[in-house]
C-alpha atoms as a PDB file:
ATOM      1  CA  MET A   1      34.756  23.783  -6.443  1.00  0.00           C
ATOM      2  CA  GLY A   2      31.342  22.132  -6.275  1.00  0.00           C
ATOM      3  CA  LEU A   3      29.788  20.902  -3.081  1.00  0.00           C
ATOM      4  CA  ILE A   4      30.172  17.227  -2.259  1.00  0.00           C
ATOM      5  CA  ASN A   5      26.765  15.696  -1.526  1.00  0.00           C
ATOM      6  CA  PRO A   6      26.576  13.299   1.420  1.00  0.00           C
ATOM      7  CA  ALA A   7      26.423   9.644   0.435  1.00  0.00           C
ATOM      8  CA  GLY A   8      22.924   8.246   0.122  1.00  0.00           C
ATOM      9  CA  PRO A   9      21.726   4.664   0.638  1.00  0.00           C
ATOM     10  CA  ASP A  10      23.853   2.099  -1.187  1.00  0.00           C
ATOM     11  CA  TRP A  11      22.117  -1.296  -1.062  1.00  0.00           C
ATOM     12  CA  ALA A  12      24.266  -4.414  -1.303  1.00  0.00           C
ATOM     13  CA  TYR A  13      21.289  -6.782  -1.482  1.00  0.00           C
ATOM     14  CA  CYS A  14      17.915  -6.858  -3.174  1.00  0.00           C
ATOM     15  CA  THR A  15      15.774  -9.973  -2.824  1.00  0.00           C
ATOM     16  CA  ARG A  16      12.772  -9.869  -5.170  1.00  0.00           C
ATOM     17  CA  ASN A  17      10.027 -12.117  -6.448  1.00  0.00           C
ATOM     18  CA  TYR A  18      10.024 -10.799  -9.997  1.00  0.00           C
ATOM     19  CA  PRO A  19       9.527 -13.380 -12.768  1.00  0.00           C
ATOM     20  CA  SER A  20      12.578 -15.173 -14.114  1.00  0.00           C
ATOM     21  CA  SER A  21      11.442 -14.563 -17.698  1.00  0.00           C
ATOM     22  CA  VAL A  22      10.698 -11.147 -19.182  1.00  0.00           C
ATOM     23  CA  ASN A  23       7.707 -12.703 -20.930  1.00  0.00           C
ATOM     24  CA  ALA A  24       6.272 -14.336 -17.816  1.00  0.00           C
ATOM     25  CA  GLU A  25       2.623 -13.540 -17.186  1.00  0.00           C
ATOM     26  CA  ALA A  26       2.709 -14.326 -13.462  1.00  0.00           C
ATOM     27  CA  LEU A  27       4.208 -11.260 -11.787  1.00  0.00           C
ATOM     28  CA  GLY A  28       5.189 -11.928  -8.187  1.00  0.00           C
ATOM     29  CA  ALA A  29       3.263 -14.058  -5.704  1.00  0.00           C
ATOM     30  CA  ALA A  30      -0.380 -14.958  -6.358  1.00  0.00           C
ATOM     31  CA  VAL A  31      -2.486 -14.148  -3.267  1.00  0.00           C
ATOM     32  CA  THR A  32      -6.199 -15.001  -3.268  1.00  0.00           C
ATOM     33  CA  SER A  33      -8.864 -13.383  -1.092  1.00  0.00           C
ATOM     34  CA  ASN A  34     -11.462 -15.332   0.856  1.00  0.00           C
ATOM     35  CA  ALA A  35     -14.873 -15.893  -0.754  1.00  0.00           C
ATOM     36  CA  THR A  36     -16.387 -14.836   2.578  1.00  0.00           C
ATOM     37  CA  ALA A  37     -16.560 -11.041   2.557  1.00  0.00           C
ATOM     38  CA  ASN A  38     -14.108  -9.140   4.764  1.00  0.00           C
ATOM     39  CA  THR A  39     -12.350 -12.308   5.932  1.00  0.00           C
ATOM     40  CA  ASP A  40      -8.631 -12.919   5.418  1.00  0.00           C
ATOM     41  CA  GLY A  41      -7.656 -15.356   2.700  1.00  0.00           C
ATOM     42  CA  THR A  42      -4.900 -17.947   2.866  1.00  0.00           C
ATOM     43  CA  ALA A  43      -1.405 -16.634   3.622  1.00  0.00           C
ATOM     44  CA  VAL A  44       1.174 -16.970   0.844  1.00  0.00           C
ATOM     45  CA  ASP A  45       4.979 -16.828   1.200  1.00  0.00           C
ATOM     46  CA  LEU A  46       6.050 -13.800  -0.863  1.00  0.00           C
ATOM     47  CA  PHE A  47       9.582 -14.941  -1.709  1.00  0.00           C
ATOM     48  CA  GLY A  48       9.261 -18.713  -1.452  1.00  0.00           C
ATOM     49  CA  ALA A  49      12.210 -18.963   0.943  1.00  0.00           C
ATOM     50  CA  ALA A  50      13.720 -17.304   3.996  1.00  0.00           C
ATOM     51  CA  LEU A  51      15.591 -14.038   3.518  1.00  0.00           C
ATOM     52  CA  THR A  52      19.371 -14.371   3.434  1.00  0.00           C
ATOM     53  CA  HIS A  53      20.104 -10.796   4.571  1.00  0.00           C
ATOM     54  CA  ASP A  54      18.706  -8.156   6.899  1.00  0.00           C
ATOM     55  CA  VAL A  55      16.145  -5.865   5.244  1.00  0.00           C
ATOM     56  CA  GLU A  56      15.938  -2.111   5.769  1.00  0.00           C
ATOM     57  CA  TYR A  57      13.612  -1.137   2.913  1.00  0.00           C
ATOM     58  CA  LEU A  58      10.582  -3.046   1.596  1.00  0.00           C
ATOM     59  CA  ARG A  59       8.871  -2.116  -1.685  1.00  0.00           C
ATOM     60  CA  LEU A  60       5.465  -3.630  -2.502  1.00  0.00           C
ATOM     61  CA  SER A  61       3.017  -3.380  -5.382  1.00  0.00           C
ATOM     62  CA  PHE A  62      -0.324  -5.041  -6.027  1.00  0.00           C
ATOM     63  CA  SER A  63      -2.085  -5.874  -9.273  1.00  0.00           C
ATOM     64  CA  ALA A  64      -5.705  -4.959  -9.912  1.00  0.00           C
ATOM     65  CA  ALA A  65      -7.808  -7.983  -8.901  1.00  0.00           C
ATOM     66  CA  GLN A  66     -11.504  -7.312  -9.163  1.00  0.00           C
ATOM     67  CA  THR A  67     -14.730  -9.280  -9.405  1.00  0.00           C
ATOM     68  CA  ALA A  68     -17.265  -7.993 -11.933  1.00  0.00           C
ATOM     69  CA  GLY A  69     -20.322  -6.267 -10.507  1.00  0.00           C
ATOM     70  CA  GLN A  70     -19.256  -6.339  -6.849  1.00  0.00           C
ATOM     71  CA  ASN A  71     -17.736  -3.989  -4.310  1.00  0.00           C
ATOM     72  CA  ASN A  72     -13.993  -4.450  -4.656  1.00  0.00           C
ATOM     73  CA  ASP A  73     -12.561  -2.714  -1.611  1.00  0.00           C
ATOM     74  CA  ALA A  74      -9.664  -4.832  -0.341  1.00  0.00           C
ATOM     75  CA  LEU A  75      -6.891  -4.873   2.249  1.00  0.00           C
ATOM     76  CA  ALA A  76      -3.597  -6.793   2.169  1.00  0.00           C
ATOM     77  CA  THR A  77      -1.652  -7.675   5.318  1.00  0.00           C
ATOM     78  CA  ILE A  78       2.090  -8.371   5.173  1.00  0.00           C
ATOM     79  CA  LEU A  79       3.080 -11.192   7.520  1.00  0.00           C
ATOM     80  CA  ILE A  80       6.350 -12.304   9.095  1.00  0.00           C
ATOM     81  CA  ASP A  81       7.828 -15.403  10.686  1.00  0.00           C
ATOM     82  CA  PRO A  82      11.270 -14.445  12.096  1.00  0.00           C
ATOM     83  CA  ALA A  83      12.167 -18.153  12.319  1.00  0.00           C
ATOM     84  CA  GLY A  84      11.787 -18.695   8.589  1.00  0.00           C
ATOM     85  CA  GLY A  85       8.597 -20.757   8.671  1.00  0.00           C
ATOM     86  CA  THR A  86       4.882 -20.078   8.288  1.00  0.00           C
ATOM     87  CA  SER A  87       3.929 -19.300  11.900  1.00  0.00           C
ATOM     88  CA  TRP A  88       2.766 -15.876  10.817  1.00  0.00           C
ATOM     89  CA  SER A  89       2.320 -12.657  12.756  1.00  0.00           C
ATOM     90  CA  THR A  90       1.492  -9.222  11.357  1.00  0.00           C
ATOM     91  CA  LEU A  91       4.289  -6.968  10.112  1.00  0.00           C
ATOM     92  CA  ILE A  92       2.303  -4.394   8.073  1.00  0.00           C
ATOM     93  CA  PRO A  93      -1.474  -4.432   8.604  1.00  0.00           C
ATOM     94  CA  PHE A  94      -4.285  -3.757   6.138  1.00  0.00           C
ATOM     95  CA  LEU A  95      -2.771  -2.069   3.099  1.00  0.00           C
ATOM     96  CA  ILE A  96      -5.425  -0.659   0.773  1.00  0.00           C
ATOM     97  CA  CYS A  97      -5.158  -2.638  -2.463  1.00  0.00           C
ATOM     98  CA  GLY A  98      -8.665  -2.641  -3.945  1.00  0.00           C
ATOM     99  CA  LEU A  99      -9.727  -0.852  -7.127  1.00  0.00           C
ATOM    100  CA  VAL A 100     -13.400  -0.783  -8.066  1.00  0.00           C
ATOM    101  CA  ASN A 101     -14.352  -1.844 -11.558  1.00  0.00           C
ATOM    102  CA  ASP A 102     -17.300  -3.530 -13.231  1.00  0.00           C
ATOM    103  CA  VAL A 103     -15.204  -5.674 -15.547  1.00  0.00           C
ATOM    104  CA  SER A 104     -12.992  -8.375 -14.074  1.00  0.00           C
ATOM    105  CA  ILE A 105      -9.390  -7.688 -15.114  1.00  0.00           C
ATOM    106  CA  SER A 106      -7.720 -10.124 -12.718  1.00  0.00           C
ATOM    107  CA  GLY A 107      -6.862 -12.279 -15.730  1.00  0.00           C
ATOM    108  CA  SER A 108      -4.981  -9.523 -17.549  1.00  0.00           C
ATOM    109  CA  SER A 109      -1.845 -10.743 -19.304  1.00  0.00           C
ATOM    110  CA  PRO A 110       0.279  -9.733 -17.521  1.00  0.00           C
ATOM    111  CA  ALA A 111      -1.641  -8.388 -14.521  1.00  0.00           C
ATOM    112  CA  ALA A 112      -1.081  -4.634 -14.160  1.00  0.00           C
ATOM    113  CA  GLN A 113       0.458  -3.329 -10.945  1.00  0.00           C
ATOM    114  CA  THR A 114      -1.793  -0.560  -9.668  1.00  0.00           C
ATOM    115  CA  CYS A 115      -1.041   0.089  -5.962  1.00  0.00           C
ATOM    116  CA  PHE A 116       2.450   0.937  -4.686  1.00  0.00           C
ATOM    117  CA  TYR A 117       3.995   1.134  -1.205  1.00  0.00           C
ATOM    118  CA  ASP A 118       7.504   1.770   0.144  1.00  0.00           C
ATOM    119  CA  PHE A 119       8.355   1.026   3.774  1.00  0.00           C
ATOM    120  CA  PRO A 120      11.613   1.785   5.612  1.00  0.00           C
ATOM    121  CA  ILE A 121      11.328  -1.193   7.937  1.00  0.00           C
ATOM    122  CA  TRP A 122      13.816  -3.647   9.426  1.00  0.00           C
ATOM    123  CA  VAL A 123      13.351  -7.389   8.895  1.00  0.00           C
ATOM    124  CA  PRO A 124      15.985  -9.837  10.190  1.00  0.00           C
ATOM    125  CA  SER A 125      17.903 -12.262   8.022  1.00  0.00           C
ATOM    126  CA  GLY A 126      16.340 -15.717   8.154  1.00  0.00           C
ATOM    127  CA  ALA A 127      12.764 -14.417   8.315  1.00  0.00           C
ATOM    128  CA  THR A 128      10.037 -15.254   5.828  1.00  0.00           C
ATOM    129  CA  LEU A 129       7.512 -12.697   4.626  1.00  0.00           C
ATOM    130  CA  GLY A 130       3.966 -13.538   3.591  1.00  0.00           C
ATOM    131  CA  CYS A 131       0.753 -11.851   2.491  1.00  0.00           C
ATOM    132  CA  GLN A 132      -2.980 -12.403   2.877  1.00  0.00           C
ATOM    133  CA  VAL A 133      -5.881 -10.413   1.394  1.00  0.00           C
ATOM    134  CA  ARG A 134      -9.458  -9.721   2.440  1.00  0.00           C
ATOM    135  CA  ALA A 135     -12.044  -8.135   0.128  1.00  0.00           C
ATOM    136  CA  ASN A 136     -15.538  -6.706   0.514  1.00  0.00           C
ATOM    137  CA  ASN A 137     -17.192  -9.164  -1.863  1.00  0.00           C
ATOM    138  CA  THR A 138     -18.367 -12.764  -1.939  1.00  0.00           C
ATOM    139  CA  SER A 139     -16.192 -14.000  -4.797  1.00  0.00           C
ATOM    140  CA  ALA A 140     -12.525 -14.835  -4.388  1.00  0.00           C
ATOM    141  CA  ALA A 141     -10.094 -12.833  -6.523  1.00  0.00           C
ATOM    142  CA  THR A 142      -6.332 -13.142  -6.989  1.00  0.00           C
ATOM    143  CA  TRP A 143      -3.755 -10.383  -6.626  1.00  0.00           C
ATOM    144  CA  GLN A 144      -0.215 -10.583  -7.984  1.00  0.00           C
ATOM    145  CA  VAL A 145       2.025  -9.117  -5.280  1.00  0.00           C
ATOM    146  CA  LEU A 146       5.489  -7.903  -6.265  1.00  0.00           C
ATOM    147  CA  ALA A 147       8.019  -7.446  -3.467  1.00  0.00           C
ATOM    148  CA  MET A 148      11.574  -6.116  -3.289  1.00  0.00           C
ATOM    149  CA  ALA A 149      13.581  -6.325  -0.049  1.00  0.00           C
ATOM    150  CA  PHE A 150      16.690  -4.126   0.145  1.00  0.00           C
ATOM    151  CA  GLY A 151      19.485  -4.468   2.701  1.00  0.00           C
ATOM    152  CA  GLY A 152      23.191  -4.095   3.373  1.00  0.00           C
ATOM    153  CA  ASN A 153      23.306  -0.304   3.180  1.00  0.00           C
ATOM    154  CA  ALA A 154      26.947   0.767   2.842  1.00  0.00           C
ATOM    155  CA  ASN A 155      26.037   4.186   4.267  1.00  0.00           C
ATOM    156  CA  PRO A 156      23.928   3.372   7.339  1.00  0.00           C
ATOM    157  CA  ALA A 157      23.839   6.984   8.541  1.00  0.00           C
ATOM    158  CA  SER A 158      21.915   7.903   5.372  1.00  0.00           C
ATOM    159  CA  TRP A 159      18.819   5.823   6.138  1.00  0.00           C
ATOM    160  CA  TRP A 160      16.265   5.464   8.919  1.00  0.00           C
ATOM    161  CA  CYS A 161      14.038   2.435   9.325  1.00  0.00           C
ATOM    162  CA  GLY A 162      11.544   1.284  11.938  1.00  0.00           C
ATOM    163  CA  GLN A 163      10.520  -2.109  13.258  1.00  0.00           C
ATOM    164  CA  ARG A 164       6.723  -2.073  13.143  1.00  0.00           C
ATOM    165  CA  VAL A 165       3.839  -0.405  11.298  1.00  0.00           C
ATOM    166  CA  THR A 166       0.459   0.831  12.527  1.00  0.00           C
ATOM    167  CA  ALA A 167      -2.539   1.180  10.187  1.00  0.00           C
ATOM    168  CA  ILE A 168      -4.569   4.339  10.807  1.00  0.00           C
ATOM    169  CA  GLY A 169      -8.059   5.039   9.507  1.00  0.00           C
ATOM    170  CA  VAL A 170      -8.713   1.480   8.312  1.00  0.00           C
ATOM    171  CA  THR A 171     -12.142  -0.157   8.649  1.00  0.00           C
ATOM    172  CA  SER A 172     -11.146  -3.815   8.518  1.00  0.00           C
ATOM    173  CA  ALA A 173     -14.756  -5.018   8.793  1.00  0.00           C
ATOM    174  CA  ALA A 174     -15.465  -3.375   5.419  1.00  0.00           C
ATOM    175  CA  SER A 175     -11.974  -3.812   3.884  1.00  0.00           C
ATOM    176  CA  ASP A 176     -11.820  -0.043   3.482  1.00  0.00           C
ATOM    177  CA  GLY A 177     -10.300   3.179   4.768  1.00  0.00           C
ATOM    178  CA  THR A 178     -11.668   6.545   5.948  1.00  0.00           C
ATOM    179  CA  SER A 179     -13.971   8.403   3.533  1.00  0.00           C
ATOM    180  CA  VAL A 180     -12.403  11.667   2.359  1.00  0.00           C
ATOM    181  CA  VAL A 181     -14.675  13.697   0.076  1.00  0.00           C
ATOM    182  CA  PRO A 182     -12.664  15.356  -2.738  1.00  0.00           C
ATOM    183  CA  GLY A 183     -13.506  18.695  -4.198  1.00  0.00           C
ATOM    184  CA  ALA A 184     -14.902  18.688  -7.745  1.00  0.00           C
ATOM    185  CA  SER A 185     -13.534  20.420 -10.847  1.00  0.00           C
ATOM    186  CA  GLY A 186     -10.036  20.978  -9.479  1.00  0.00           C
ATOM    187  CA  SER A 187     -10.799  22.514  -6.059  1.00  0.00           C
ATOM    188  CA  PHE A 188      -9.576  20.821  -2.881  1.00  0.00           C
ATOM    189  CA  GLY A 189     -12.145  19.584  -0.398  1.00  0.00           C
ATOM    190  CA  SER A 190     -11.828  20.118   3.335  1.00  0.00           C
ATOM    191  CA  TRP A 191      -9.149  18.534   5.490  1.00  0.00           C
ATOM    192  CA  THR A 192     -10.540  15.331   7.008  1.00  0.00           C
ATOM    193  CA  ASP A 193      -9.218  13.428  10.008  1.00  0.00           C
ATOM    194  CA  VAL A 194      -7.823  10.004   9.061  1.00  0.00           C
ATOM    195  CA  GLY A 195      -8.553   7.683  11.964  1.00  0.00           C
ATOM    196  CA  SER A 196      -7.604   8.396  15.554  1.00  0.00           C
ATOM    197  CA  THR A 197      -4.523  10.248  16.740  1.00  0.00           C
ATOM    198  CA  LEU A 198      -1.159   8.486  16.648  1.00  0.00           C
ATOM    199  CA  GLY A 199      -0.652   6.107  19.533  1.00  0.00           C
ATOM    200  CA  ALA A 200       3.154   6.241  19.338  1.00  0.00           C
ATOM    201  CA  ASP A 201       5.908   8.389  17.835  1.00  0.00           C
ATOM    202  CA  ALA A 202       6.569   7.677  14.156  1.00  0.00           C
ATOM    203  CA  GLY A 203       9.551   8.286  11.889  1.00  0.00           C
ATOM    204  CA  ALA A 204       7.926   7.746   8.498  1.00  0.00           C
ATOM    205  CA  LEU A 205       4.487   7.560   6.896  1.00  0.00           C
ATOM    206  CA  GLN A 206       2.856   5.946   3.876  1.00  0.00           C
ATOM    207  CA  TYR A 207      -0.659   6.442   2.512  1.00  0.00           C
ATOM    208  CA  GLY A 208      -3.107   4.505   0.378  1.00  0.00           C
ATOM    209  CA  VAL A 209      -6.215   5.742  -1.447  1.00  0.00           C
ATOM    210  CA  ALA A 210      -8.949   3.232  -2.298  1.00  0.00           C
ATOM    211  CA  GLY A 211     -11.499   3.358  -5.084  1.00  0.00           C
ATOM    212  CA  PRO A 212     -14.991   4.776  -4.486  1.00  0.00           C
ATOM    213  CA  GLY A 213     -16.512   1.515  -3.286  1.00  0.00           C
ATOM    214  CA  GLY A 214     -19.736   0.068  -4.599  1.00  0.00           C
ATOM    215  CA  THR A 215     -19.906  -1.512  -8.044  1.00  0.00           C
ATOM    216  CA  PHE A 216     -19.095   1.367 -10.391  1.00  0.00           C
ATOM    217  CA  ALA A 217     -16.571   4.166 -10.820  1.00  0.00           C
ATOM    218  CA  PHE A 218     -16.445   7.281 -12.977  1.00  0.00           C
ATOM    219  CA  GLY A 219     -13.505   7.957 -15.251  1.00  0.00           C
ATOM    220  CA  ALA A 220     -11.629  10.667 -13.335  1.00  0.00           C
ATOM    221  CA  SER A 221      -8.267  11.766 -11.949  1.00  0.00           C
ATOM    222  CA  TYR A 222      -7.717  12.556  -8.277  1.00  0.00           C
ATOM    223  CA  GLU A 223      -5.001  14.259  -6.263  1.00  0.00           C
ATOM    224  CA  TYR A 224      -4.780  13.692  -2.515  1.00  0.00           C
ATOM    225  CA  GLU A 225      -2.648  15.663  -0.069  1.00  0.00           C
ATOM    226  CA  PHE A 226      -1.747  14.569   3.450  1.00  0.00           C
ATOM    227  CA  GLY A 227      -1.161  16.548   6.597  1.00  0.00           C
ATOM    228  CA  VAL A 228      -0.390  16.582  10.288  1.00  0.00           C
ATOM    229  CA  GLY A 229      -3.136  18.823  11.548  1.00  0.00           C
ATOM    230  CA  ASP A 230      -3.578  21.385   8.748  1.00  0.00           C
ATOM    231  CA  VAL A 231       0.112  21.350   7.766  1.00  0.00           C
ATOM    232  CA  ARG A 232       0.675  19.511   4.489  1.00  0.00           C
ATOM    233  CA  ILE A 233       3.484  16.966   4.495  1.00  0.00           C
ATOM    234  CA  GLY A 234       5.218  15.012   1.753  1.00  0.00           C
ATOM    235  CA  ALA A 235       4.235  14.680  -1.881  1.00  0.00           C
ATOM    236  CA  PRO A 236       0.635  14.287  -3.067  1.00  0.00           C
ATOM    237  CA  LEU A 237      -0.730  10.984  -4.335  1.00  0.00           C
ATOM    238  CA  PHE A 238      -2.245  10.923  -7.834  1.00  0.00           C
ATOM    239  CA  ARG A 239      -4.978   8.368  -8.489  1.00  0.00           C
ATOM    240  CA  ASN A 240      -6.552   7.639 -11.847  1.00  0.00           C
ATOM    241  CA  LEU A 241      -9.839   5.844 -12.534  1.00  0.00           C
ATOM    242  CA  THR A 242     -10.366   5.072 -16.198  1.00  0.00           C
ATOM    243  CA  THR A 243     -13.583   4.936 -18.186  1.00  0.00           C
ATOM    244  CA  ASN A 244     -13.560   1.119 -18.047  1.00  0.00           C
ATOM    245  CA  GLU A 245     -13.579   1.495 -14.257  1.00  0.00           C
ATOM    246  CA  SER A 246     -10.082   0.199 -13.631  1.00  0.00           C
ATOM    247  CA  GLY A 247      -7.436   2.397 -12.057  1.00  0.00           C
ATOM    248  CA  TRP A 248      -3.973   2.945 -10.605  1.00  0.00           C
ATOM    249  CA  TRP A 249      -2.050   5.392  -8.464  1.00  0.00           C
ATOM    250  CA  ILE A 250       1.354   7.027  -8.469  1.00  0.00           C
ATOM    251  CA  GLY A 251       2.809   6.445  -5.020  1.00  0.00           C
ATOM    252  CA  THR A 252       4.534   9.070  -2.910  1.00  0.00           C
ATOM    253  CA  GLY A 253       7.269   6.837  -1.532  1.00  0.00           C
ATOM    254  CA  PRO A 254       7.880   6.997   2.221  1.00  0.00           C
ATOM    255  CA  ILE A 255       7.357  10.380   3.870  1.00  0.00           C
ATOM    256  CA  PHE A 256      10.249  10.673   6.317  1.00  0.00           C
ATOM    257  CA  ARG A 257       9.027  12.865   9.145  1.00  0.00           C
ATOM    258  CA  SER A 258       9.157  12.704  12.928  1.00  0.00           C
ATOM    259  CA  VAL A 259       5.535  12.761  14.075  1.00  0.00           C
ATOM    260  CA  ALA A 260       4.774  12.756  17.781  1.00  0.00           C
ATOM    261  CA  SER A 261       2.338  10.484  19.557  1.00  0.00           C
ATOM    262  CA  GLY A 262      -1.052  12.208  19.793  1.00  0.00           C
ATOM    263  CA  SER A 263      -0.767  13.903  16.399  1.00  0.00           C
ATOM    264  CA  GLN A 264      -3.805  13.853  14.098  1.00  0.00           C
ATOM    265  CA  LEU A 265      -3.181  12.749  10.515  1.00  0.00           C
ATOM    266  CA  ARG A 266      -5.426  14.331   7.894  1.00  0.00           C
ATOM    267  CA  ALA A 267      -6.103  14.224   4.153  1.00  0.00           C
ATOM    268  CA  ARG A 268      -7.870  16.266   1.488  1.00  0.00           C
ATOM    269  CA  GLY A 269      -8.468  15.678  -2.193  1.00  0.00           C
ATOM    270  CA  ARG A 270      -9.607  17.145  -5.465  1.00  0.00           C
ATOM    271  CA  CYS A 271     -10.897  15.747  -8.736  1.00  0.00           C
ATOM    272  CA  ASN A 272     -10.662  17.015 -12.302  1.00  0.00           C
ATOM    273  CA  THR A 273     -14.400  16.443 -12.869  1.00  0.00           C
ATOM    274  CA  THR A 274     -17.453  15.252 -10.937  1.00  0.00           C
ATOM    275  CA  ALA A 275     -16.012  13.547  -7.872  1.00  0.00           C
ATOM    276  CA  GLN A 276     -16.847  10.326  -6.092  1.00  0.00           C
ATOM    277  CA  THR A 277     -15.864   9.797  -2.472  1.00  0.00           C
ATOM    278  CA  LEU A 278     -12.640   7.826  -2.098  1.00  0.00           C
ATOM    279  CA  SER A 279     -11.179   6.449   1.125  1.00  0.00           C
ATOM    280  CA  VAL A 280      -7.764   6.958   2.674  1.00  0.00           C
ATOM    281  CA  ALA A 281      -5.617   5.037   5.149  1.00  0.00           C
ATOM    282  CA  ALA A 282      -2.268   5.970   6.676  1.00  0.00           C
ATOM    283  CA  TYR A 283       0.559   3.696   7.774  1.00  0.00           C
ATOM    284  CA  ALA A 284       2.951   4.913  10.460  1.00  0.00           C
ATOM    285  CA  VAL A 285       6.397   3.325  10.790  1.00  0.00           C
ATOM    286  CA  HIS A 286       7.649   3.185  14.393  1.00  0.00           C
END
């Protein structure tokens, strides 16, 4: 007789801001950065209405929104108003969402989703969620932000979620993360500290890897690994930069791991050819 696997998450609800038509060009909520460099743009309600159920799992993706010939590092902050309005406070700070390229592709039809995040985080029914973006350039650009909010897990013992997120290794004044030099031609570079040590215990982690900054990017593929100290944790993140200087990554999903306060998060990377320096940020769920 075969083994019976324990029941996994079984979500009763999924609120999403996907388009109502399969041919719609506008994917998700349009969020525009400020034309003043490294300054938050206007907040946008992601779902257009208050949530009608508790949320235990939030999935986010961002389109490529670049301005030709400029540095396109960018950070997106997810906002919350528990009362269902627009009196925003921060829920998830400074998610890396910028991809360097020299050709503006923000008008792609439809806009391609290029950055992906999954957070096991609790949001109460009746709350509204928003987003605002800052970018390291002097021209406003628009991201299409897709969001899916899952709740009503029929097997609550199968899932852990936290209530807040800390960004680690982010340089908000430059809309960037921590520089992690990858090894060239397939060899991993050295482990590099990502930000300061954890200020509180965490139960899950997510990572983002930005483009190389500046106004150009080589066509290359990158693999980044993440660690606590020198011990690798979770799956690697694959990031591609194409010859037209656009790019995307394959996300790892949440890394469920108990990590104690005071732990040092680290990262290392490798490239399949001549490497540029990319930047990394970590997001700890508490």
